[in-house]
N, C-alpha and C. Protein backbone atom coordinates (compact mmCIF):
# COMPACT_ATOMS: atom_id res chain seq x y z
N LEU A 1 3.16 -12.94 -13.79
CA LEU A 1 1.15 -13.10 -14.65
C LEU A 1 1.48 -13.75 -15.73
N HIS A 2 2.75 -14.14 -16.39
CA HIS A 2 2.94 -14.72 -17.50
C HIS A 2 2.90 -16.47 -17.47
N GLN A 3 2.66 -16.46 -16.28
CA GLN A 3 2.60 -18.51 -16.23
C GLN A 3 1.02 -18.82 -15.77
N VAL A 4 0.22 -17.51 -15.83
CA VAL A 4 -1.39 -17.85 -15.70
C VAL A 4 -2.12 -17.73 -16.84
N TRP A 5 -2.96 -18.54 -17.38
CA TRP A 5 -3.55 -18.28 -18.56
C TRP A 5 -4.73 -18.54 -18.27
N PHE A 6 -5.56 -18.31 -19.32
CA PHE A 6 -7.00 -19.24 -19.16
C PHE A 6 -7.53 -19.43 -20.84
N ASP A 7 -8.33 -20.21 -20.87
CA ASP A 7 -8.81 -20.76 -22.10
C ASP A 7 -10.35 -19.97 -22.74
N ALA A 8 -10.03 -19.15 -23.77
CA ALA A 8 -11.21 -18.14 -23.75
C ALA A 8 -11.85 -18.87 -25.46
N PRO A 9 -13.30 -18.96 -25.23
CA PRO A 9 -13.59 -19.34 -26.51
C PRO A 9 -13.45 -18.33 -28.01
N THR A 10 -13.56 -18.54 -28.81
CA THR A 10 -13.46 -17.83 -29.77
C THR A 10 -14.37 -18.47 -31.23
N CYS A 11 -14.33 -17.50 -32.22
CA CYS A 11 -15.46 -17.17 -32.81
C CYS A 11 -15.14 -18.08 -34.24
N LYS A 12 -14.07 -18.54 -34.23
CA LYS A 12 -13.81 -18.93 -35.48
C LYS A 12 -13.75 -20.62 -35.49
N GLY A 13 -14.04 -21.27 -34.19
CA GLY A 13 -13.87 -22.52 -34.13
C GLY A 13 -14.12 -23.19 -32.57
N PRO A 14 -14.79 -24.29 -32.54
CA PRO A 14 -14.87 -24.86 -31.46
C PRO A 14 -13.89 -25.27 -30.32
N GLU A 15 -12.49 -25.03 -30.99
CA GLU A 15 -11.19 -24.69 -29.85
C GLU A 15 -10.99 -23.57 -29.06
N PRO A 16 -11.01 -23.65 -28.37
CA PRO A 16 -10.97 -22.37 -27.05
C PRO A 16 -9.20 -21.75 -27.62
N GLU A 17 -8.97 -20.99 -27.06
CA GLU A 17 -7.66 -20.21 -27.34
C GLU A 17 -7.05 -19.89 -26.07
N ARG A 18 -5.88 -20.05 -26.09
CA ARG A 18 -5.45 -20.28 -24.70
C ARG A 18 -4.68 -18.62 -24.61
N LEU A 19 -5.08 -18.13 -23.90
CA LEU A 19 -4.55 -16.86 -23.22
C LEU A 19 -3.59 -16.23 -21.89
N PHE A 20 -2.59 -15.66 -22.39
CA PHE A 20 -2.03 -15.48 -21.13
C PHE A 20 -1.94 -14.26 -20.67
N LEU A 21 -1.89 -13.79 -18.97
CA LEU A 21 -1.73 -12.57 -18.50
C LEU A 21 -1.05 -12.15 -18.82
N VAL A 22 -0.91 -10.92 -19.20
CA VAL A 22 0.23 -9.96 -19.05
C VAL A 22 0.93 -8.78 -18.54
N GLY A 23 1.79 -8.12 -18.42
CA GLY A 23 1.87 -6.95 -17.15
C GLY A 23 2.33 -6.99 -16.07
N ASP A 24 3.10 -5.75 -15.36
CA ASP A 24 3.81 -5.89 -14.23
C ASP A 24 3.40 -4.86 -12.91
N ASN A 25 2.31 -5.43 -12.54
CA ASN A 25 1.87 -4.34 -11.31
C ASN A 25 3.35 -4.31 -10.20
N SER A 26 4.19 -4.77 -10.27
CA SER A 26 5.02 -4.81 -9.04
C SER A 26 5.18 -3.47 -8.44
N SER A 27 5.58 -2.44 -9.13
CA SER A 27 5.71 -0.90 -8.97
C SER A 27 4.26 -0.12 -7.89
N SER A 28 3.20 -0.72 -8.43
CA SER A 28 1.82 -0.47 -8.28
C SER A 28 2.02 -0.65 -6.37
N ALA A 29 2.02 -2.04 -6.53
CA ALA A 29 2.07 -2.55 -5.24
C ALA A 29 3.22 -2.25 -4.32
N GLU A 30 4.13 -2.33 -4.82
CA GLU A 30 5.59 -1.41 -3.85
C GLU A 30 4.71 -0.11 -3.47
N PHE A 31 4.32 0.85 -4.30
CA PHE A 31 4.24 1.88 -3.93
C PHE A 31 2.83 2.10 -2.36
N PHE A 32 1.96 0.95 -2.42
CA PHE A 32 1.06 1.20 -1.99
C PHE A 32 1.58 0.50 -0.47
N VAL A 33 2.49 -0.21 -0.30
CA VAL A 33 2.81 -1.10 0.25
C VAL A 33 4.13 0.33 1.32
N THR A 34 4.95 0.79 0.43
CA THR A 34 5.49 1.85 0.98
C THR A 34 4.94 2.89 1.86
N ILE A 35 3.54 3.71 1.40
CA ILE A 35 2.84 4.37 1.82
C ILE A 35 1.85 3.90 3.42
N GLY A 36 1.83 2.62 3.50
CA GLY A 36 1.49 1.98 4.68
C GLY A 36 2.49 1.89 5.53
N VAL A 37 3.30 1.71 4.90
CA VAL A 37 4.94 1.59 6.26
C VAL A 37 4.62 2.59 7.01
N PHE A 38 5.06 4.13 5.60
CA PHE A 38 4.99 5.28 6.26
C PHE A 38 3.86 5.39 7.35
N SER A 39 2.88 5.39 6.86
CA SER A 39 1.63 5.63 7.71
C SER A 39 1.63 5.46 9.04
N PHE A 40 2.08 3.65 8.97
CA PHE A 40 2.25 3.14 10.49
C PHE A 40 3.41 3.85 11.22
N LEU A 41 4.39 4.22 10.73
CA LEU A 41 5.50 4.91 11.50
C LEU A 41 5.13 5.95 11.62
N TYR A 42 4.49 7.08 11.14
CA TYR A 42 3.99 8.17 11.55
C TYR A 42 3.14 8.20 12.42
N SER A 43 2.02 6.98 12.56
CA SER A 43 1.24 7.24 13.96
C SER A 43 1.88 6.58 14.68
N MET A 44 2.88 5.80 14.87
CA MET A 44 3.24 5.27 16.05
C MET A 44 4.44 6.51 16.61
N ALA A 45 5.09 7.50 15.58
CA ALA A 45 5.79 8.32 16.34
C ALA A 45 5.00 9.69 16.76
N ALA A 46 3.55 9.89 15.98
CA ALA A 46 2.93 10.30 17.33
C ALA A 46 1.82 10.07 18.03
N ILE A 47 1.69 8.79 17.69
CA ILE A 47 1.04 8.54 19.51
C ILE A 47 2.25 8.66 20.83
N SER A 48 3.64 8.20 19.94
CA SER A 48 4.71 7.90 21.29
C SER A 48 5.24 10.07 21.78
N VAL A 49 4.59 10.55 20.72
CA VAL A 49 4.87 11.84 21.21
C VAL A 49 3.95 12.60 22.43
N TYR A 50 2.75 12.05 21.82
CA TYR A 50 1.53 12.35 22.39
C TYR A 50 1.35 11.88 24.07
N ILE A 51 2.04 10.25 24.32
CA ILE A 51 1.93 9.87 25.49
C ILE A 51 3.44 10.55 26.30
N PHE A 52 4.07 10.81 25.73
CA PHE A 52 5.58 11.09 26.68
C PHE A 52 5.61 12.74 26.78
N LEU A 53 5.34 13.33 25.95
CA LEU A 53 5.56 15.00 26.01
C LEU A 53 4.04 15.98 26.29
N LEU A 54 2.71 14.25 26.89
CA LEU A 54 1.88 15.45 27.59
C LEU A 54 1.87 16.41 28.52
N GLU A 55 3.01 16.43 29.42
CA GLU A 55 3.28 16.84 30.04
C GLU A 55 3.27 18.49 29.87
N LYS A 56 4.26 18.54 28.80
CA LYS A 56 4.42 19.57 28.00
C LYS A 56 3.45 20.09 27.14
N TYR A 57 2.59 19.66 26.78
CA TYR A 57 1.27 20.55 26.09
C TYR A 57 0.61 20.82 26.38
N ARG A 58 0.28 20.38 27.98
CA ARG A 58 -0.46 20.82 28.80
C ARG A 58 0.12 22.25 29.42
N GLU A 59 1.66 22.37 29.77
CA GLU A 59 2.44 23.56 29.89
C GLU A 59 2.18 25.15 28.83
N GLY A 60 1.60 24.42 27.75
CA GLY A 60 1.17 25.53 26.90
C GLY A 60 2.30 26.09 26.11
N ASN A 61 3.54 25.06 26.17
CA ASN A 61 4.96 25.50 25.53
C ASN A 61 4.38 25.41 23.68
N LYS A 62 5.21 26.04 23.06
CA LYS A 62 5.12 26.43 21.82
C LYS A 62 5.90 25.41 20.93
N GLY A 63 7.17 24.90 22.11
CA GLY A 63 8.08 24.05 21.49
C GLY A 63 7.12 22.89 20.93
N ALA A 64 6.51 22.27 22.31
CA ALA A 64 5.96 21.02 22.08
C ALA A 64 4.66 21.11 20.76
N GLN A 65 4.22 22.10 20.84
CA GLN A 65 3.10 21.98 19.81
C GLN A 65 3.64 22.35 18.69
N ALA A 66 4.78 22.54 17.82
CA ALA A 66 5.07 23.08 16.87
C ALA A 66 5.33 21.57 16.44
C-alpha cells in the first residue's frame, strides 16, 4: 500500500497534498483465506463420508452417526 497515493486538496493553498496509503492488511487476508480453505476441505470430507458410508447410515450404526 505504500506505493499507492492520491492527491488531496488542502485548505492552505491551491497545491494538493500527496498522501500515501499506510497499513498492512495481509494478516486479515491470510485469516480469511485459511477459513475458506478449511471450510472447503471440511465440506469435501463431509460429502465423501456421506457418499461412501451411506449404507452404514441406513443400518443405524452408531459409529457412522458419530
